[in-house]
């Protein structure tokens, strides 16, 4: 999936979640997903999306009582790109997790609906 601006109204895009802080869209043709949050976007295959969602949920759980990360960008998320990493506050990470978990539920519900 090419990088898309969701405000352009692409027919092949299914908007799963659209919040003030971010979004998750999927391509009806290739089923890849795009996550937009804060100042980054990430295009992912369904398997990459599931793994990323799991990583974020684990980070939220790990840092849920961490006082340092409450207001400081101290939660470190490595990326596959050398020298490029992401930093989050606990609130930002929680917001991202909420968006991802909502998208995941919508994807799972759609799969169940297609089975009936």
C-alpha atoms as a PDB file:
ATOM      1  CA  UNK A   1       0.000   0.000   0.000  1.00  0.00           C
ATOM      2  CA  UNK A   2       1.392   3.384  -0.955  1.00  0.00           C
ATOM      3  CA  UNK A   3       1.474   6.040   1.721  1.00  0.00           C
ATOM      4  CA  UNK A   4      -1.979   7.587   1.718  1.00  0.00           C
ATOM      5  CA  UNK A   5      -3.433  10.755   3.106  1.00  0.00           C
ATOM      6  CA  UNK A   6      -6.760   9.547   4.493  1.00  0.00           C
ATOM      7  CA  UNK A   7      -8.295  12.975   3.993  1.00  0.00           C
ATOM      8  CA  UNK A   8      -8.044  12.461   0.217  1.00  0.00           C
ATOM      9  CA  UNK A   9     -11.012  10.025   0.203  1.00  0.00           C
ATOM     10  CA  UNK A  10      -9.516   6.936  -1.427  1.00  0.00           C
ATOM     11  CA  UNK A  11     -12.153   4.359  -2.442  1.00  0.00           C
ATOM     12  CA  UNK A  12      -9.882   1.404  -1.702  1.00  0.00           C
ATOM     13  CA  UNK A  13      -9.367   2.496   1.916  1.00  0.00           C
ATOM     14  CA  UNK A  14     -11.454   1.215   4.799  1.00  0.00           C
ATOM     15  CA  UNK A  15     -11.191   3.521   7.828  1.00  0.00           C
ATOM     16  CA  UNK A  16     -11.140   1.299  10.901  1.00  0.00           C
ATOM     17  CA  UNK A  17     -10.385   3.943  13.536  1.00  0.00           C
ATOM     18  CA  UNK A  18     -10.206   7.705  13.201  1.00  0.00           C
ATOM     19  CA  UNK A  19      -9.410   9.644  16.360  1.00  0.00           C
ATOM     20  CA  UNK A  20      -7.946  13.072  17.007  1.00  0.00           C
ATOM     21  CA  UNK A  21      -4.635  11.457  17.977  1.00  0.00           C
ATOM     22  CA  UNK A  22      -4.409   8.876  15.211  1.00  0.00           C
ATOM     23  CA  UNK A  23      -5.997   6.406  12.852  1.00  0.00           C
ATOM     24  CA  UNK A  24      -5.871   2.902  11.423  1.00  0.00           C
ATOM     25  CA  UNK A  25      -6.953   2.261   7.840  1.00  0.00           C
ATOM     26  CA  UNK A  26      -6.842  -0.868   5.734  1.00  0.00           C
ATOM     27  CA  UNK A  27      -6.567  -1.363   1.985  1.00  0.00           C
ATOM     28  CA  UNK A  28      -9.507  -3.265   0.542  1.00  0.00           C
ATOM     29  CA  UNK A  29      -7.287  -4.640  -2.242  1.00  0.00           C
ATOM     30  CA  UNK A  30      -4.110  -5.786  -0.470  1.00  0.00           C
ATOM     31  CA  UNK A  31      -5.429  -5.842   3.159  1.00  0.00           C
ATOM     32  CA  UNK A  32      -2.348  -3.998   4.414  1.00  0.00           C
ATOM     33  CA  UNK A  33      -2.887  -1.492   7.165  1.00  0.00           C
ATOM     34  CA  UNK A  34      -1.634   2.000   7.836  1.00  0.00           C
ATOM     35  CA  UNK A  35      -1.295   3.377  11.336  1.00  0.00           C
ATOM     36  CA  UNK A  36      -1.030   7.109  11.836  1.00  0.00           C
ATOM     37  CA  UNK A  37      -0.228   8.437  15.276  1.00  0.00           C
ATOM     38  CA  UNK A  38       1.327  11.683  16.443  1.00  0.00           C
ATOM     39  CA  UNK A  39       3.961  12.523  13.869  1.00  0.00           C
ATOM     40  CA  UNK A  40       4.506   9.084  12.286  1.00  0.00           C
ATOM     41  CA  UNK A  41       2.764   6.628  10.013  1.00  0.00           C
ATOM     42  CA  UNK A  42       3.539   2.979   9.505  1.00  0.00           C
ATOM     43  CA  UNK A  43       2.391   0.735   6.659  1.00  0.00           C
ATOM     44  CA  UNK A  44       2.116  -2.897   7.757  1.00  0.00           C
ATOM     45  CA  UNK A  45       0.966  -6.274   6.554  1.00  0.00           C
ATOM     46  CA  UNK A  46      -1.780  -7.855   8.684  1.00  0.00           C
ATOM     47  CA  UNK A  47       0.787 -10.054  10.459  1.00  0.00           C
ATOM     48  CA  UNK A  48       3.023  -7.044  11.150  1.00  0.00           C
ATOM     49  CA  UNK A  49       0.002  -5.155  12.488  1.00  0.00           C
ATOM     50  CA  UNK A  50      -0.892  -8.002  14.877  1.00  0.00           C
ATOM     51  CA  UNK A  51       2.702  -8.170  16.117  1.00  0.00           C
ATOM     52  CA  UNK A  52       2.964  -4.376  16.503  1.00  0.00           C
ATOM     53  CA  UNK A  53      -0.328  -4.334  18.434  1.00  0.00           C
ATOM     54  CA  UNK A  54       1.025  -7.045  20.736  1.00  0.00           C
ATOM     55  CA  UNK A  55       4.296  -5.135  21.286  1.00  0.00           C
ATOM     56  CA  UNK A  56       2.444  -1.926  22.176  1.00  0.00           C
ATOM     57  CA  UNK A  57       0.055  -3.752  24.536  1.00  0.00           C
ATOM     58  CA  UNK A  58       3.040  -5.360  26.287  1.00  0.00           C
ATOM     59  CA  UNK A  59       4.766  -1.969  26.652  1.00  0.00           C
ATOM     60  CA  UNK A  60       1.589  -0.456  28.125  1.00  0.00           C
ATOM     61  CA  UNK A  61       1.394  -3.297  30.635  1.00  0.00           C
ATOM     62  CA  UNK A  62       5.099  -3.042  31.483  1.00  0.00           C
ATOM     63  CA  UNK A  63       4.976   0.728  32.111  1.00  0.00           C
ATOM     64  CA  UNK A  64       1.490   1.128  33.607  1.00  0.00           C
ATOM     65  CA  UNK A  65       2.839   2.001  37.088  1.00  0.00           C
ATOM     66  CA  UNK A  66       6.082   3.651  35.972  1.00  0.00           C
ATOM     67  CA  UNK A  67       6.120   7.170  37.420  1.00  0.00           C
ATOM     68  CA  UNK A  68       8.988   8.355  35.199  1.00  0.00           C
ATOM     69  CA  UNK A  69       7.005   7.668  32.020  1.00  0.00           C
ATOM     70  CA  UNK A  70       3.847   9.400  33.255  1.00  0.00           C
ATOM     71  CA  UNK A  71       4.828  12.749  31.736  1.00  0.00           C
ATOM     72  CA  UNK A  72       8.273  12.259  30.215  1.00  0.00           C
ATOM     73  CA  UNK A  73       8.955  10.675  26.855  1.00  0.00           C
ATOM     74  CA  UNK A  74      10.866   7.795  28.368  1.00  0.00           C
ATOM     75  CA  UNK A  75       9.240   4.682  26.895  1.00  0.00           C
ATOM     76  CA  UNK A  76      11.618   3.496  24.200  1.00  0.00           C
ATOM     77  CA  UNK A  77      10.392   1.554  21.164  1.00  0.00           C
ATOM     78  CA  UNK A  78      13.153   0.334  18.850  1.00  0.00           C
ATOM     79  CA  UNK A  79      12.485   0.138  15.130  1.00  0.00           C
ATOM     80  CA  UNK A  80      14.131  -2.042  12.493  1.00  0.00           C
ATOM     81  CA  UNK A  81      15.997   1.026  11.216  1.00  0.00           C
ATOM     82  CA  UNK A  82      19.447   1.538  12.781  1.00  0.00           C
ATOM     83  CA  UNK A  83      19.585   4.724  14.796  1.00  0.00           C
ATOM     84  CA  UNK A  84      15.839   5.421  14.510  1.00  0.00           C
ATOM     85  CA  UNK A  85      13.646   4.739  17.522  1.00  0.00           C
ATOM     86  CA  UNK A  86      10.380   6.050  18.955  1.00  0.00           C
ATOM     87  CA  UNK A  87       9.790   7.584  22.376  1.00  0.00           C
ATOM     88  CA  UNK A  88       6.431   7.813  24.126  1.00  0.00           C
ATOM     89  CA  UNK A  89       4.958   9.097  27.344  1.00  0.00           C
ATOM     90  CA  UNK A  90       2.721   6.644  29.171  1.00  0.00           C
ATOM     91  CA  UNK A  91      -0.344   8.624  28.033  1.00  0.00           C
ATOM     92  CA  UNK A  92       0.755   8.577  24.382  1.00  0.00           C
ATOM     93  CA  UNK A  93       1.420   4.863  24.508  1.00  0.00           C
ATOM     94  CA  UNK A  94      -1.980   4.280  26.079  1.00  0.00           C
ATOM     95  CA  UNK A  95      -3.670   6.350  23.353  1.00  0.00           C
ATOM     96  CA  UNK A  96      -1.876   4.383  20.641  1.00  0.00           C
ATOM     97  CA  UNK A  97      -2.815   1.114  22.330  1.00  0.00           C
ATOM     98  CA  UNK A  98      -6.490   2.158  22.498  1.00  0.00           C
ATOM     99  CA  UNK A  99      -6.497   2.928  18.765  1.00  0.00           C
ATOM    100  CA  UNK A 100      -4.772  -0.366  17.900  1.00  0.00           C
ATOM    101  CA  UNK A 101      -7.001  -2.460  20.168  1.00  0.00           C
ATOM    102  CA  UNK A 102     -10.129  -0.867  18.690  1.00  0.00           C
ATOM    103  CA  UNK A 103      -8.907  -1.588  15.164  1.00  0.00           C
ATOM    104  CA  UNK A 104      -8.073  -5.163  16.164  1.00  0.00           C
ATOM    105  CA  UNK A 105     -11.594  -5.711  17.525  1.00  0.00           C
ATOM    106  CA  UNK A 106     -13.108  -4.311  14.320  1.00  0.00           C
ATOM    107  CA  UNK A 107     -10.925  -6.609  12.205  1.00  0.00           C
ATOM    108  CA  UNK A 108     -11.861  -9.636  14.327  1.00  0.00           C
ATOM    109  CA  UNK A 109     -15.574  -8.742  14.183  1.00  0.00           C
ATOM    110  CA  UNK A 110     -15.394  -8.427  10.388  1.00  0.00           C
ATOM    111  CA  UNK A 111     -13.740 -11.839  10.150  1.00  0.00           C
ATOM    112  CA  UNK A 112     -16.461 -13.384  12.304  1.00  0.00           C
ATOM    113  CA  UNK A 113     -19.179 -11.697  10.249  1.00  0.00           C
ATOM    114  CA  UNK A 114     -17.663 -13.156   7.071  1.00  0.00           C
ATOM    115  CA  UNK A 115     -17.789 -16.648   8.583  1.00  0.00           C
ATOM    116  CA  UNK A 116     -21.544 -16.530   9.174  1.00  0.00           C
END
